[in-house]
N, C-alpha and C. Protein backbone atom coordinates (compact mmCIF):
# COMPACT_ATOMS: atom_id res chain seq x y z
N MET A 1 73.28 49.65 86.84
CA MET A 1 74.38 50.38 86.22
C MET A 1 73.83 51.58 85.46
N ALA A 2 74.50 52.69 85.56
CA ALA A 2 74.04 53.93 84.93
C ALA A 2 74.76 54.15 83.60
N THR A 3 74.02 54.68 82.66
CA THR A 3 74.62 55.13 81.41
C THR A 3 74.62 56.65 81.46
N ARG A 4 75.75 57.19 81.90
CA ARG A 4 75.86 58.63 82.14
C ARG A 4 75.88 59.38 80.80
N ASN A 5 75.24 60.56 80.84
CA ASN A 5 75.15 61.34 79.60
C ASN A 5 75.10 62.82 79.92
N LEU A 6 75.36 63.60 78.91
CA LEU A 6 75.39 65.05 79.04
C LEU A 6 74.63 65.65 77.86
N THR A 7 73.87 66.70 78.13
CA THR A 7 73.16 67.40 77.06
C THR A 7 73.65 68.83 76.99
N MET A 8 73.97 69.26 75.79
CA MET A 8 74.41 70.63 75.52
C MET A 8 73.40 71.29 74.59
N VAL A 9 73.35 72.61 74.63
CA VAL A 9 72.55 73.39 73.68
C VAL A 9 73.52 74.37 73.03
N VAL A 10 73.65 74.27 71.70
CA VAL A 10 74.63 75.07 70.96
C VAL A 10 73.96 75.66 69.72
N ASP A 11 74.22 76.92 69.45
CA ASP A 11 73.74 77.52 68.20
C ASP A 11 74.45 76.86 67.03
N ARG A 12 73.69 76.50 66.04
CA ARG A 12 74.23 75.72 64.92
C ARG A 12 75.26 76.48 64.09
N GLN A 13 75.31 77.79 64.19
CA GLN A 13 76.33 78.54 63.45
C GLN A 13 77.73 78.09 63.83
N HIS A 14 77.91 77.59 65.06
CA HIS A 14 79.24 77.15 65.50
C HIS A 14 79.67 75.85 64.82
N ALA A 15 78.73 75.06 64.35
CA ALA A 15 79.07 73.83 63.62
C ALA A 15 79.74 74.16 62.29
N GLU A 16 79.47 75.36 61.77
CA GLU A 16 80.08 75.77 60.50
C GLU A 16 81.58 76.01 60.65
N GLU A 17 82.06 76.16 61.89
CA GLU A 17 83.47 76.38 62.15
C GLU A 17 84.26 75.08 62.18
N SER A 18 83.57 73.97 62.07
CA SER A 18 84.20 72.65 62.12
C SER A 18 84.04 71.93 60.80
N GLU A 19 85.06 71.21 60.42
CA GLU A 19 85.01 70.42 59.19
C GLU A 19 83.93 69.34 59.28
N LEU A 20 83.69 68.79 60.48
CA LEU A 20 82.71 67.73 60.67
C LEU A 20 81.31 68.24 60.99
N GLY A 21 81.16 69.54 61.18
CA GLY A 21 79.85 70.12 61.45
C GLY A 21 79.20 69.55 62.69
N PHE A 22 77.93 69.15 62.58
CA PHE A 22 77.18 68.61 63.71
C PHE A 22 77.79 67.32 64.27
N ALA A 23 78.60 66.62 63.48
CA ALA A 23 79.18 65.34 63.90
C ALA A 23 80.49 65.50 64.67
N GLU A 24 80.93 66.70 64.87
CA GLU A 24 82.20 66.97 65.57
C GLU A 24 82.14 66.52 67.03
N ASN A 25 83.30 66.19 67.58
CA ASN A 25 83.41 65.88 69.00
C ASN A 25 82.87 67.08 69.79
N PRO A 26 81.97 66.86 70.74
CA PRO A 26 81.37 67.97 71.50
C PRO A 26 82.37 68.87 72.23
N SER A 27 83.54 68.37 72.53
CA SER A 27 84.57 69.20 73.18
C SER A 27 84.90 70.43 72.35
N PHE A 28 84.76 70.29 71.04
CA PHE A 28 85.02 71.41 70.13
C PHE A 28 84.10 72.59 70.42
N PHE A 29 82.92 72.31 70.97
CA PHE A 29 81.91 73.34 71.22
C PHE A 29 81.74 73.67 72.70
N SER A 30 82.65 73.20 73.54
CA SER A 30 82.46 73.34 74.99
C SER A 30 82.32 74.79 75.44
N ASP A 31 82.97 75.71 74.78
CA ASP A 31 82.86 77.12 75.19
C ASP A 31 81.69 77.83 74.50
N LYS A 32 80.94 77.10 73.71
CA LYS A 32 79.81 77.69 72.98
C LYS A 32 78.45 77.25 73.53
N SER A 33 78.44 76.29 74.44
CA SER A 33 77.19 75.72 74.91
C SER A 33 76.52 76.61 75.95
N TYR A 34 75.20 76.73 75.84
CA TYR A 34 74.42 77.47 76.83
C TYR A 34 74.31 76.70 78.14
N VAL A 35 74.41 75.37 78.06
CA VAL A 35 74.27 74.53 79.25
C VAL A 35 74.99 73.21 79.02
N ASN A 36 75.54 72.66 80.09
CA ASN A 36 76.13 71.33 80.08
C ASN A 36 75.43 70.56 81.20
N MET A 37 74.38 69.85 80.86
CA MET A 37 73.53 69.19 81.85
C MET A 37 73.83 67.70 81.88
N TYR A 38 74.37 67.26 83.01
CA TYR A 38 74.71 65.86 83.23
C TYR A 38 73.50 65.13 83.81
N LEU A 39 73.20 63.97 83.24
CA LEU A 39 72.15 63.09 83.75
C LEU A 39 72.80 61.73 84.01
N HIS A 40 72.56 61.20 85.18
CA HIS A 40 73.28 60.00 85.60
C HIS A 40 72.75 58.70 85.00
N HIS A 41 71.51 58.66 84.60
CA HIS A 41 70.89 57.40 84.19
C HIS A 41 70.39 57.39 82.74
N ASP A 42 70.36 56.21 82.17
CA ASP A 42 69.64 55.92 80.92
C ASP A 42 70.04 56.81 79.75
N GLY A 43 71.33 56.99 79.53
CA GLY A 43 71.80 57.89 78.49
C GLY A 43 71.82 57.33 77.09
N TYR A 44 71.53 56.06 76.91
CA TYR A 44 71.58 55.43 75.59
C TYR A 44 70.51 56.05 74.67
N PRO A 45 70.73 56.00 73.35
CA PRO A 45 69.81 56.65 72.40
C PRO A 45 68.36 56.19 72.49
N GLU A 46 68.12 54.93 72.83
CA GLU A 46 66.75 54.44 72.90
C GLU A 46 65.96 55.09 74.04
N TRP A 47 66.66 55.64 75.03
CA TRP A 47 65.95 56.37 76.09
C TRP A 47 66.22 57.86 75.98
N GLN A 48 67.43 58.29 76.29
CA GLN A 48 67.69 59.73 76.35
C GLN A 48 67.59 60.39 74.98
N GLY A 49 68.03 59.71 73.95
CA GLY A 49 67.88 60.28 72.61
C GLY A 49 66.42 60.54 72.27
N VAL A 50 65.56 59.58 72.57
CA VAL A 50 64.13 59.72 72.32
C VAL A 50 63.52 60.76 73.25
N GLN A 51 63.95 60.77 74.52
CA GLN A 51 63.45 61.77 75.47
C GLN A 51 63.74 63.18 74.94
N ILE A 52 64.97 63.41 74.51
CA ILE A 52 65.35 64.73 74.01
C ILE A 52 64.55 65.06 72.75
N ALA A 53 64.40 64.10 71.85
CA ALA A 53 63.64 64.34 70.62
C ALA A 53 62.19 64.69 70.93
N ASN A 54 61.57 63.93 71.83
CA ASN A 54 60.19 64.24 72.24
C ASN A 54 60.11 65.62 72.87
N TRP A 55 61.09 65.93 73.70
CA TRP A 55 61.11 67.23 74.37
C TRP A 55 61.25 68.37 73.36
N VAL A 56 62.17 68.23 72.40
CA VAL A 56 62.36 69.26 71.38
C VAL A 56 61.08 69.45 70.57
N MET A 57 60.41 68.38 70.24
CA MET A 57 59.18 68.50 69.45
C MET A 57 58.09 69.23 70.23
N ALA A 58 58.12 69.13 71.55
CA ALA A 58 57.13 69.83 72.38
C ALA A 58 57.57 71.25 72.74
N ASN A 59 58.87 71.54 72.66
CA ASN A 59 59.40 72.80 73.17
C ASN A 59 60.33 73.52 72.21
N GLY A 60 60.37 73.15 70.96
CA GLY A 60 61.32 73.72 70.02
C GLY A 60 61.28 75.24 69.98
N ARG A 61 62.42 75.84 70.17
CA ARG A 61 62.58 77.29 70.10
C ARG A 61 63.88 77.58 69.36
N ILE A 62 63.91 78.67 68.66
CA ILE A 62 65.12 79.04 67.94
C ILE A 62 66.17 79.59 68.91
N ASP A 63 65.73 80.31 69.93
CA ASP A 63 66.64 80.96 70.88
C ASP A 63 67.27 79.92 71.80
N GLY A 64 68.58 79.73 71.68
CA GLY A 64 69.29 78.72 72.45
C GLY A 64 69.27 78.95 73.95
N SER A 65 69.35 80.21 74.40
CA SER A 65 69.35 80.47 75.84
C SER A 65 68.00 80.14 76.46
N ALA A 66 66.91 80.46 75.79
CA ALA A 66 65.58 80.12 76.30
C ALA A 66 65.37 78.61 76.28
N LEU A 67 65.84 77.97 75.23
CA LEU A 67 65.71 76.52 75.12
C LEU A 67 66.50 75.83 76.23
N ALA A 68 67.70 76.31 76.53
CA ALA A 68 68.53 75.72 77.58
C ALA A 68 67.87 75.84 78.95
N ALA A 69 67.29 76.98 79.24
CA ALA A 69 66.63 77.18 80.53
C ALA A 69 65.44 76.23 80.67
N LYS A 70 64.65 76.09 79.63
CA LYS A 70 63.50 75.18 79.65
C LYS A 70 63.95 73.73 79.75
N LEU A 71 65.04 73.39 79.09
CA LEU A 71 65.60 72.05 79.16
C LEU A 71 65.95 71.66 80.59
N VAL A 72 66.64 72.54 81.29
CA VAL A 72 67.02 72.26 82.67
C VAL A 72 65.78 72.08 83.53
N HIS A 73 64.80 72.94 83.35
CA HIS A 73 63.56 72.83 84.13
C HIS A 73 62.86 71.49 83.88
N ASP A 74 62.72 71.12 82.63
CA ASP A 74 61.93 69.94 82.28
C ASP A 74 62.67 68.62 82.45
N MET A 75 63.99 68.63 82.30
CA MET A 75 64.75 67.38 82.39
C MET A 75 65.34 67.12 83.77
N TYR A 76 65.26 68.09 84.68
CA TYR A 76 65.87 67.92 85.99
C TYR A 76 65.23 66.75 86.77
N TYR A 77 66.08 65.98 87.42
CA TYR A 77 65.66 64.99 88.41
C TYR A 77 66.81 64.85 89.41
N ASP A 78 66.66 64.00 90.40
CA ASP A 78 67.60 63.96 91.53
C ASP A 78 69.06 63.69 91.17
N SER A 79 69.33 63.05 90.06
CA SER A 79 70.70 62.76 89.66
C SER A 79 71.10 63.57 88.43
N CYS A 80 70.79 64.84 88.47
CA CYS A 80 71.08 65.77 87.37
C CYS A 80 71.96 66.89 87.91
N TYR A 81 73.00 67.25 87.17
CA TYR A 81 73.93 68.29 87.61
C TYR A 81 74.32 69.15 86.42
N LEU A 82 74.70 70.39 86.69
CA LEU A 82 75.20 71.28 85.66
C LEU A 82 76.71 71.44 85.83
N TYR A 83 77.43 71.40 84.72
CA TYR A 83 78.88 71.51 84.76
C TYR A 83 79.34 72.65 83.86
N GLN A 84 80.47 73.21 84.22
CA GLN A 84 81.05 74.31 83.45
C GLN A 84 81.48 73.85 82.06
N SER A 85 81.95 72.61 81.96
CA SER A 85 82.46 72.10 80.70
C SER A 85 82.09 70.62 80.55
N PRO A 86 81.82 70.17 79.34
CA PRO A 86 81.53 68.76 79.13
C PRO A 86 82.73 67.86 79.40
N ASP A 87 83.91 68.44 79.41
CA ASP A 87 85.13 67.66 79.64
C ASP A 87 85.42 67.41 81.12
N ARG A 88 84.60 67.96 82.00
CA ARG A 88 84.85 67.86 83.44
C ARG A 88 84.12 66.69 84.10
N ILE A 89 83.42 65.89 83.32
CA ILE A 89 82.63 64.81 83.89
C ILE A 89 82.73 63.55 83.01
N ASP A 90 82.87 62.41 83.66
CA ASP A 90 82.91 61.15 82.94
C ASP A 90 81.49 60.77 82.53
N HIS A 91 81.27 60.59 81.24
CA HIS A 91 79.97 60.20 80.73
C HIS A 91 80.16 59.53 79.37
N GLN A 92 79.23 58.68 79.01
CA GLN A 92 79.37 57.97 77.74
C GLN A 92 78.83 58.77 76.56
N TYR A 93 77.61 59.29 76.69
CA TYR A 93 76.99 59.96 75.54
C TYR A 93 76.86 61.45 75.78
N THR A 94 77.17 62.22 74.75
CA THR A 94 76.91 63.65 74.76
C THR A 94 75.91 63.95 73.64
N TYR A 95 74.83 64.59 74.04
CA TYR A 95 73.81 65.03 73.09
C TYR A 95 73.93 66.54 72.92
N ILE A 96 73.86 66.99 71.68
CA ILE A 96 73.84 68.43 71.42
C ILE A 96 72.54 68.75 70.69
N ILE A 97 71.81 69.71 71.24
CA ILE A 97 70.62 70.24 70.58
C ILE A 97 71.09 71.48 69.83
N TRP A 98 70.95 71.44 68.51
CA TRP A 98 71.45 72.51 67.64
C TRP A 98 70.34 73.51 67.37
N THR A 99 70.48 74.72 67.87
CA THR A 99 69.46 75.76 67.76
C THR A 99 69.90 76.84 66.78
N GLY A 100 69.05 77.84 66.63
CA GLY A 100 69.40 79.00 65.81
C GLY A 100 68.61 79.10 64.52
N LYS A 101 67.96 78.02 64.12
CA LYS A 101 67.10 78.02 62.93
C LYS A 101 65.84 77.22 63.26
N ASP A 102 64.84 77.34 62.42
CA ASP A 102 63.56 76.67 62.67
C ASP A 102 63.68 75.15 62.77
N ASP A 103 64.56 74.57 61.97
CA ASP A 103 64.70 73.11 61.98
C ASP A 103 65.83 72.72 62.94
N ILE A 104 65.43 72.30 64.14
CA ILE A 104 66.39 71.92 65.17
C ILE A 104 66.89 70.50 64.88
N TRP A 105 68.19 70.32 65.04
CA TRP A 105 68.83 69.02 64.87
C TRP A 105 69.40 68.59 66.21
N ILE A 106 69.63 67.29 66.36
CA ILE A 106 70.22 66.74 67.57
C ILE A 106 71.34 65.80 67.14
N SER A 107 72.47 65.91 67.83
CA SER A 107 73.54 64.96 67.58
C SER A 107 73.84 64.18 68.85
N CYS A 108 74.36 62.98 68.67
CA CYS A 108 74.74 62.12 69.79
C CYS A 108 76.16 61.63 69.52
N TYR A 109 77.02 61.82 70.51
CA TYR A 109 78.42 61.43 70.39
C TYR A 109 78.77 60.46 71.50
N ASP A 110 79.37 59.34 71.15
CA ASP A 110 79.81 58.34 72.12
C ASP A 110 81.23 58.69 72.56
N GLN A 111 81.36 59.20 73.77
CA GLN A 111 82.66 59.64 74.29
C GLN A 111 83.61 58.47 74.48
N TYR A 112 83.10 57.31 74.87
CA TYR A 112 83.96 56.16 75.15
C TYR A 112 84.58 55.57 73.90
N ASN A 113 83.88 55.68 72.78
CA ASN A 113 84.38 55.14 71.52
C ASN A 113 84.81 56.22 70.53
N SER A 114 84.75 57.48 70.95
CA SER A 114 85.15 58.62 70.13
C SER A 114 84.52 58.58 68.73
N ARG A 115 83.19 58.45 68.72
CA ARG A 115 82.50 58.41 67.43
C ARG A 115 81.13 59.05 67.52
N ASN A 116 80.71 59.60 66.39
CA ASN A 116 79.37 60.15 66.30
C ASN A 116 78.39 59.00 66.13
N VAL A 117 77.32 59.00 66.90
CA VAL A 117 76.29 57.97 66.82
C VAL A 117 75.22 58.38 65.82
N PHE A 118 74.78 59.63 65.92
CA PHE A 118 73.80 60.12 64.95
C PHE A 118 73.77 61.64 64.93
N VAL A 119 73.29 62.15 63.82
CA VAL A 119 72.91 63.56 63.64
C VAL A 119 71.57 63.48 62.92
N MET A 120 70.49 63.87 63.63
CA MET A 120 69.16 63.71 63.06
C MET A 120 68.22 64.79 63.57
N GLN A 121 67.13 64.95 62.86
CA GLN A 121 66.04 65.78 63.35
C GLN A 121 65.23 64.94 64.34
N PRO A 122 64.53 65.59 65.27
CA PRO A 122 63.82 64.86 66.33
C PRO A 122 62.88 63.76 65.83
N SER A 123 62.10 64.02 64.81
CA SER A 123 61.15 63.01 64.34
C SER A 123 61.87 61.75 63.84
N ARG A 124 63.00 61.93 63.25
CA ARG A 124 63.79 60.79 62.74
C ARG A 124 64.38 59.98 63.90
N ILE A 125 64.80 60.65 64.97
CA ILE A 125 65.33 59.94 66.15
C ILE A 125 64.24 59.06 66.74
N ILE A 126 63.05 59.62 66.87
CA ILE A 126 61.93 58.86 67.42
C ILE A 126 61.62 57.65 66.54
N GLU A 127 61.58 57.89 65.25
CA GLU A 127 61.30 56.81 64.29
C GLU A 127 62.34 55.69 64.40
N ARG A 128 63.58 56.06 64.57
CA ARG A 128 64.67 55.07 64.57
C ARG A 128 64.88 54.39 65.92
N TYR A 129 64.77 55.15 67.02
CA TYR A 129 65.19 54.62 68.31
C TYR A 129 64.06 54.35 69.31
N GLU A 130 62.86 54.85 69.07
CA GLU A 130 61.80 54.65 70.04
C GLU A 130 61.56 53.17 70.29
N ASP A 131 61.40 52.83 71.55
CA ASP A 131 61.22 51.46 71.96
C ASP A 131 59.94 51.36 72.79
N ASP A 132 59.65 50.20 73.30
CA ASP A 132 58.45 49.99 74.11
C ASP A 132 58.74 50.42 75.55
N MET A 133 58.86 51.72 75.77
CA MET A 133 59.15 52.28 77.08
C MET A 133 58.14 53.39 77.38
N GLU A 134 58.00 53.71 78.64
CA GLU A 134 57.12 54.80 79.05
C GLU A 134 57.96 56.07 79.16
N TYR A 135 57.94 56.85 78.11
CA TYR A 135 58.71 58.09 78.07
C TYR A 135 57.96 59.21 78.79
N THR A 136 58.69 60.22 79.20
CA THR A 136 58.08 61.40 79.80
C THR A 136 57.18 62.08 78.76
N ASP A 137 56.00 62.49 79.16
CA ASP A 137 55.03 63.09 78.25
C ASP A 137 55.21 64.62 78.25
N PHE A 138 56.27 65.07 77.63
CA PHE A 138 56.57 66.51 77.59
C PHE A 138 55.50 67.30 76.87
N ALA A 139 54.88 66.71 75.86
CA ALA A 139 53.86 67.42 75.08
C ALA A 139 52.66 67.82 75.93
N ASN A 140 52.43 67.10 77.03
CA ASN A 140 51.33 67.43 77.93
C ASN A 140 51.81 68.06 79.23
N GLY A 141 53.00 68.65 79.20
CA GLY A 141 53.49 69.42 80.34
C GLY A 141 54.19 68.62 81.42
N GLU A 142 54.35 67.32 81.24
CA GLU A 142 55.05 66.51 82.25
C GLU A 142 56.54 66.84 82.23
N THR A 143 57.18 66.81 83.39
CA THR A 143 58.62 67.00 83.48
C THR A 143 59.26 65.69 83.92
N ARG A 144 60.57 65.60 83.78
CA ARG A 144 61.29 64.38 84.17
C ARG A 144 61.14 64.13 85.67
N LYS A 145 61.15 65.18 86.49
CA LYS A 145 61.00 65.03 87.94
C LYS A 145 59.63 64.47 88.28
N GLN A 146 58.58 64.98 87.64
CA GLN A 146 57.24 64.45 87.87
C GLN A 146 57.17 62.98 87.47
N TYR A 147 57.79 62.65 86.34
CA TYR A 147 57.81 61.28 85.86
C TYR A 147 58.51 60.39 86.89
N GLN A 148 59.66 60.83 87.39
CA GLN A 148 60.41 60.05 88.38
C GLN A 148 59.59 59.89 89.66
N ASP A 149 58.96 60.95 90.13
CA ASP A 149 58.15 60.88 91.35
C ASP A 149 57.00 59.89 91.19
N GLN A 150 56.35 59.89 90.02
CA GLN A 150 55.25 58.95 89.78
C GLN A 150 55.76 57.51 89.78
N ARG A 151 56.91 57.28 89.15
CA ARG A 151 57.49 55.94 89.11
C ARG A 151 57.87 55.48 90.53
N ASN A 152 58.41 56.38 91.35
CA ASN A 152 58.78 56.03 92.72
C ASN A 152 57.55 55.65 93.55
N LEU A 153 56.44 56.36 93.33
CA LEU A 153 55.20 56.02 94.03
C LEU A 153 54.71 54.62 93.65
N LEU A 154 54.79 54.30 92.38
CA LEU A 154 54.37 52.98 91.93
C LEU A 154 55.24 51.88 92.55
N TRP A 155 56.55 52.12 92.60
CA TRP A 155 57.47 51.15 93.22
C TRP A 155 57.16 50.99 94.70
N ALA A 156 56.89 52.09 95.38
CA ALA A 156 56.59 52.03 96.81
C ALA A 156 55.31 51.24 97.06
N LYS A 157 54.32 51.41 96.20
CA LYS A 157 53.06 50.67 96.36
C LYS A 157 53.26 49.17 96.13
N LYS A 158 54.16 48.82 95.20
CA LYS A 158 54.45 47.41 94.93
C LYS A 158 55.15 46.76 96.12
N ILE A 159 55.98 47.52 96.81
CA ILE A 159 56.73 46.99 97.95
C ILE A 159 55.81 46.78 99.16
N ASP A 160 54.83 47.68 99.34
CA ASP A 160 53.91 47.56 100.48
C ASP A 160 53.08 46.37 100.40
């Protein structure tokens, strides 16, 4: 079973337009996002939340458009799609990477329960949600596609 999720990149100045700020429903920012990247698998905070936090720590940039382009490159794998709007796809979790200042924040919103799960800086997400899993090593240049390809090779060798 897949835990579908979406990642957006939004300049944090737009959170100031909302009473709830970073904790607002992501639909509020749908026309402000540089990218709406759908990932079909493992969207729960213990995986995708930590993946995004690790990625931000390795690739943090203030410029949202540059960050969005790098995000798509590094997070792409076979079940990844880009959508015009976060409201056009069924998914449980929406992650927003808040750019525009040196201290990048990440929020996670549970679409199915209409509630904010967290608003944290990347190091705090890792501290809270990291589990005993083999995460993509973004700090050493690994991408999600490379990670997936390596895992598929290991599975194929086990089957042989």
